[in-house]
C-alpha atoms as a PDB file:
ATOM      1  CA  UNK A   1      91.128  13.365 -28.926  1.00  0.00           C
ATOM      2  CA  UNK A   2      90.356  14.197 -32.784  1.00  0.00           C
ATOM      3  CA  UNK A   3      93.819  15.780 -33.252  1.00  0.00           C
ATOM      4  CA  UNK A   4      95.513  12.421 -31.897  1.00  0.00           C
ATOM      5  CA  UNK A   5      93.080  10.445 -34.541  1.00  0.00           C
ATOM      6  CA  UNK A   6      93.858  12.395 -37.449  1.00  0.00           C
ATOM      7  CA  UNK A   7      97.511  11.970 -36.402  1.00  0.00           C
ATOM      8  CA  UNK A   8      97.505   8.258 -36.159  1.00  0.00           C
ATOM      9  CA  UNK A   9      94.959   7.899 -38.912  1.00  0.00           C
ATOM     10  CA  UNK A  10      96.789   6.147 -41.167  1.00  0.00           C
ATOM     11  CA  UNK A  11      98.118   3.072 -39.018  1.00  0.00           C
ATOM     12  CA  UNK A  12      95.560   0.714 -38.178  1.00  0.00           C
ATOM     13  CA  UNK A  13      96.815  -0.658 -34.959  1.00  0.00           C
ATOM     14  CA  UNK A  14      97.061   3.162 -33.158  1.00  0.00           C
ATOM     15  CA  UNK A  15      93.717   3.739 -34.260  1.00  0.00           C
ATOM     16  CA  UNK A  16      92.528   0.388 -32.845  1.00  0.00           C
ATOM     17  CA  UNK A  17      94.596   0.946 -29.395  1.00  0.00           C
ATOM     18  CA  UNK A  18      93.276   5.073 -29.535  1.00  0.00           C
ATOM     19  CA  UNK A  19      89.784   3.739 -29.317  1.00  0.00           C
ATOM     20  CA  UNK A  20      90.387   0.743 -26.809  1.00  0.00           C
ATOM     21  CA  UNK A  21      91.665   3.232 -24.575  1.00  0.00           C
ATOM     22  CA  UNK A  22      88.735   5.850 -24.836  1.00  0.00           C
ATOM     23  CA  UNK A  23      86.697   3.014 -24.317  1.00  0.00           C
ATOM     24  CA  UNK A  24      87.883   2.578 -20.708  1.00  0.00           C
ATOM     25  CA  UNK A  25      88.024   6.171 -19.824  1.00  0.00           C
ATOM     26  CA  UNK A  26      85.289   8.104 -18.403  1.00  0.00           C
ATOM     27  CA  UNK A  27      84.648  10.616 -21.266  1.00  0.00           C
ATOM     28  CA  UNK A  28      81.713  13.367 -19.918  1.00  0.00           C
ATOM     29  CA  UNK A  29      80.927  15.350 -22.875  1.00  0.00           C
ATOM     30  CA  UNK A  30      78.428  14.199 -25.072  1.00  0.00           C
ATOM     31  CA  UNK A  31      80.192  15.493 -28.233  1.00  0.00           C
ATOM     32  CA  UNK A  32      83.570  12.984 -27.333  1.00  0.00           C
ATOM     33  CA  UNK A  33      81.131  10.122 -27.025  1.00  0.00           C
ATOM     34  CA  UNK A  34      79.793  10.823 -30.860  1.00  0.00           C
ATOM     35  CA  UNK A  35      83.169  11.059 -31.691  1.00  0.00           C
ATOM     36  CA  UNK A  36      84.883   8.134 -30.302  1.00  0.00           C
ATOM     37  CA  UNK A  37      81.381   5.928 -31.871  1.00  0.00           C
ATOM     38  CA  UNK A  38      82.471   7.504 -35.186  1.00  0.00           C
ATOM     39  CA  UNK A  39      86.107   6.206 -34.562  1.00  0.00           C
ATOM     40  CA  UNK A  40      84.640   2.667 -33.475  1.00  0.00           C
ATOM     41  CA  UNK A  41      82.706   2.259 -36.274  1.00  0.00           C
ATOM     42  CA  UNK A  42      85.402   3.270 -38.489  1.00  0.00           C
ATOM     43  CA  UNK A  43      87.713   0.121 -37.115  1.00  0.00           C
ATOM     44  CA  UNK A  44      84.890  -2.190 -37.580  1.00  0.00           C
ATOM     45  CA  UNK A  45      84.550  -1.076 -40.834  1.00  0.00           C
ATOM     46  CA  UNK A  46      88.181  -1.287 -41.805  1.00  0.00           C
ATOM     47  CA  UNK A  47      88.961  -4.292 -39.950  1.00  0.00           C
ATOM     48  CA  UNK A  48      86.327  -6.274 -41.521  1.00  0.00           C
ATOM     49  CA  UNK A  49      86.575  -9.691 -39.978  1.00  0.00           C
ATOM     50  CA  UNK A  50      90.149  -9.688 -39.077  1.00  0.00           C
ATOM     51  CA  UNK A  51      89.986  -8.442 -35.679  1.00  0.00           C
ATOM     52  CA  UNK A  52      86.695 -10.550 -34.048  1.00  0.00           C
ATOM     53  CA  UNK A  53      88.289 -10.482 -30.414  1.00  0.00           C
ATOM     54  CA  UNK A  54      87.517  -6.494 -30.766  1.00  0.00           C
ATOM     55  CA  UNK A  55      84.050  -6.525 -32.208  1.00  0.00           C
ATOM     56  CA  UNK A  56      82.088  -7.583 -29.037  1.00  0.00           C
ATOM     57  CA  UNK A  57      84.238  -5.205 -26.906  1.00  0.00           C
ATOM     58  CA  UNK A  58      83.164  -2.099 -29.362  1.00  0.00           C
ATOM     59  CA  UNK A  59      79.749  -3.720 -29.895  1.00  0.00           C
ATOM     60  CA  UNK A  60      79.421  -3.750 -26.252  1.00  0.00           C
ATOM     61  CA  UNK A  61      80.470   0.043 -25.858  1.00  0.00           C
ATOM     62  CA  UNK A  62      78.153   1.526 -28.712  1.00  0.00           C
ATOM     63  CA  UNK A  63      75.260  -0.715 -26.956  1.00  0.00           C
ATOM     64  CA  UNK A  64      76.075   0.796 -23.877  1.00  0.00           C
ATOM     65  CA  UNK A  65      75.587   4.394 -25.458  1.00  0.00           C
ATOM     66  CA  UNK A  66      72.489   3.522 -26.316  1.00  0.00           C
ATOM     67  CA  UNK A  67      71.188   4.437 -22.618  1.00  0.00           C
ATOM     68  CA  UNK A  68      73.159   7.503 -22.314  1.00  0.00           C
ATOM     69  CA  UNK A  69      71.494  10.486 -21.307  1.00  0.00           C
ATOM     70  CA  UNK A  70      72.125  12.724 -24.119  1.00  0.00           C
ATOM     71  CA  UNK A  71      69.728  11.933 -27.027  1.00  0.00           C
ATOM     72  CA  UNK A  72      72.713  13.054 -29.897  1.00  0.00           C
ATOM     73  CA  UNK A  73      74.769   9.491 -28.212  1.00  0.00           C
ATOM     74  CA  UNK A  74      71.657   7.405 -28.152  1.00  0.00           C
ATOM     75  CA  UNK A  75      71.041   8.323 -31.850  1.00  0.00           C
ATOM     76  CA  UNK A  76      74.640   8.589 -32.532  1.00  0.00           C
ATOM     77  CA  UNK A  77      75.217   5.110 -31.399  1.00  0.00           C
ATOM     78  CA  UNK A  78      72.196   3.467 -33.184  1.00  0.00           C
ATOM     79  CA  UNK A  79      73.098   5.201 -36.381  1.00  0.00           C
ATOM     80  CA  UNK A  80      76.305   3.347 -35.601  1.00  0.00           C
ATOM     81  CA  UNK A  81      74.884  -0.304 -34.979  1.00  0.00           C
ATOM     82  CA  UNK A  82      72.857  -0.130 -37.888  1.00  0.00           C
ATOM     83  CA  UNK A  83      75.257   0.499 -40.532  1.00  0.00           C
ATOM     84  CA  UNK A  84      77.628  -2.208 -38.948  1.00  0.00           C
ATOM     85  CA  UNK A  85      78.774  -4.879 -41.871  1.00  0.00           C
ATOM     86  CA  UNK A  86      77.130  -8.628 -41.233  1.00  0.00           C
ATOM     87  CA  UNK A  87      75.329  -7.358 -38.308  1.00  0.00           C
ATOM     88  CA  UNK A  88      72.631  -9.876 -36.810  1.00  0.00           C
ATOM     89  CA  UNK A  89      69.206  -9.845 -35.788  1.00  0.00           C
ATOM     90  CA  UNK A  90      70.367 -10.197 -32.024  1.00  0.00           C
ATOM     91  CA  UNK A  91      72.643  -6.658 -32.279  1.00  0.00           C
ATOM     92  CA  UNK A  92      70.427  -4.856 -34.386  1.00  0.00           C
ATOM     93  CA  UNK A  93      66.926  -5.588 -32.112  1.00  0.00           C
ATOM     94  CA  UNK A  94      68.426  -2.544 -29.534  1.00  0.00           C
ATOM     95  CA  UNK A  95      69.030   0.257 -31.734  1.00  0.00           C
ATOM     96  CA  UNK A  96      65.527  -0.327 -33.686  1.00  0.00           C
ATOM     97  CA  UNK A  97      63.777  -0.120 -30.718  1.00  0.00           C
ATOM     98  CA  UNK A  98      65.820   3.099 -29.878  1.00  0.00           C
ATOM     99  CA  UNK A  99      64.824   4.397 -33.278  1.00  0.00           C
ATOM    100  CA  UNK A 100      61.208   3.724 -32.467  1.00  0.00           C
ATOM    101  CA  UNK A 101      61.057   5.540 -29.390  1.00  0.00           C
ATOM    102  CA  UNK A 102      62.449   8.535 -31.162  1.00  0.00           C
ATOM    103  CA  UNK A 103      59.457   8.469 -33.275  1.00  0.00           C
ATOM    104  CA  UNK A 104      57.271   8.938 -30.542  1.00  0.00           C
ATOM    105  CA  UNK A 105      59.466  12.062 -29.268  1.00  0.00           C
ATOM    106  CA  UNK A 106      58.468  15.660 -29.354  1.00  0.00           C
ATOM    107  CA  UNK A 107      61.168  16.843 -31.183  1.00  0.00           C
ATOM    108  CA  UNK A 108      61.190  16.985 -35.588  1.00  0.00           C
ATOM    109  CA  UNK A 109      64.969  16.547 -35.298  1.00  0.00           C
ATOM    110  CA  UNK A 110      64.966  13.496 -33.562  1.00  0.00           C
ATOM    111  CA  UNK A 111      61.570  11.890 -35.128  1.00  0.00           C
ATOM    112  CA  UNK A 112      63.123  12.811 -39.041  1.00  0.00           C
ATOM    113  CA  UNK A 113      66.994  11.623 -37.719  1.00  0.00           C
ATOM    114  CA  UNK A 114      65.045   8.726 -36.609  1.00  0.00           C
ATOM    115  CA  UNK A 115      62.505   8.157 -39.863  1.00  0.00           C
ATOM    116  CA  UNK A 116      65.625   8.202 -42.157  1.00  0.00           C
ATOM    117  CA  UNK A 117      67.988   5.670 -40.184  1.00  0.00           C
ATOM    118  CA  UNK A 118      65.009   3.326 -40.136  1.00  0.00           C
ATOM    119  CA  UNK A 119      64.408   3.617 -43.818  1.00  0.00           C
ATOM    120  CA  UNK A 120      68.328   2.945 -44.705  1.00  0.00           C
ATOM    121  CA  UNK A 121      67.892  -0.472 -42.428  1.00  0.00           C
ATOM    122  CA  UNK A 122      64.760  -0.916 -44.388  1.00  0.00           C
ATOM    123  CA  UNK A 123      66.536  -0.794 -47.487  1.00  0.00           C
ATOM    124  CA  UNK A 124      69.342  -2.927 -45.639  1.00  0.00           C
ATOM    125  CA  UNK A 125      66.674  -5.652 -44.835  1.00  0.00           C
ATOM    126  CA  UNK A 126      64.251  -5.736 -48.148  1.00  0.00           C
ATOM    127  CA  UNK A 127      66.029  -8.807 -48.808  1.00  0.00           C
ATOM    128  CA  UNK A 128      65.161 -10.614 -45.524  1.00  0.00           C
ATOM    129  CA  UNK A 129      61.430 -10.089 -45.673  1.00  0.00           C
ATOM    130  CA  UNK A 130      60.116 -11.814 -42.443  1.00  0.00           C
ATOM    131  CA  UNK A 131      62.428  -9.941 -40.167  1.00  0.00           C
ATOM    132  CA  UNK A 132      61.683  -6.697 -42.572  1.00  0.00           C
ATOM    133  CA  UNK A 133      57.932  -7.434 -41.492  1.00  0.00           C
ATOM    134  CA  UNK A 134      58.349  -8.094 -37.699  1.00  0.00           C
ATOM    135  CA  UNK A 135      60.491  -4.608 -37.850  1.00  0.00           C
ATOM    136  CA  UNK A 136      57.456  -2.654 -39.655  1.00  0.00           C
ATOM    137  CA  UNK A 137      54.750  -4.278 -37.044  1.00  0.00           C
ATOM    138  CA  UNK A 138      56.535  -2.899 -34.032  1.00  0.00           C
ATOM    139  CA  UNK A 139      56.963   0.240 -35.867  1.00  0.00           C
ATOM    140  CA  UNK A 140      53.017   0.757 -36.624  1.00  0.00           C
ATOM    141  CA  UNK A 141      52.049  -0.510 -33.143  1.00  0.00           C
ATOM    142  CA  UNK A 142      54.847   1.765 -31.429  1.00  0.00           C
ATOM    143  CA  UNK A 143      53.557   5.025 -33.650  1.00  0.00           C
ATOM    144  CA  UNK A 144      49.508   4.264 -32.639  1.00  0.00           C
END
């Protein structure tokens, strides 16, 4: 899968078709799921607003990965959603909630990763003060 992506990475249409086929298939490996999430993020980033029809299906896949059993897949999906350009509040909320749940875990790496990602989100939302304050209140209420 990664080899095919590397071969086709300069052809946007081929990469988009590859990612569409991979999201329809049943990939069982968590590492392969993380690669697919990164490929989707790259396709969305490169396409911008030109392929609006593909974005909902790719976003649905990312949101579905938030309910995966492997923690690295969940974190990778949450990170990809928070880094999307032009993401709206409704799309951002599930990723924020998952990252807040990672703050209460006993694994230090997950807590650090969640804090780092939430910090990046807070910098992106610094111009939207009411939304930032509501997320900070949720964050504080979940940690205590």
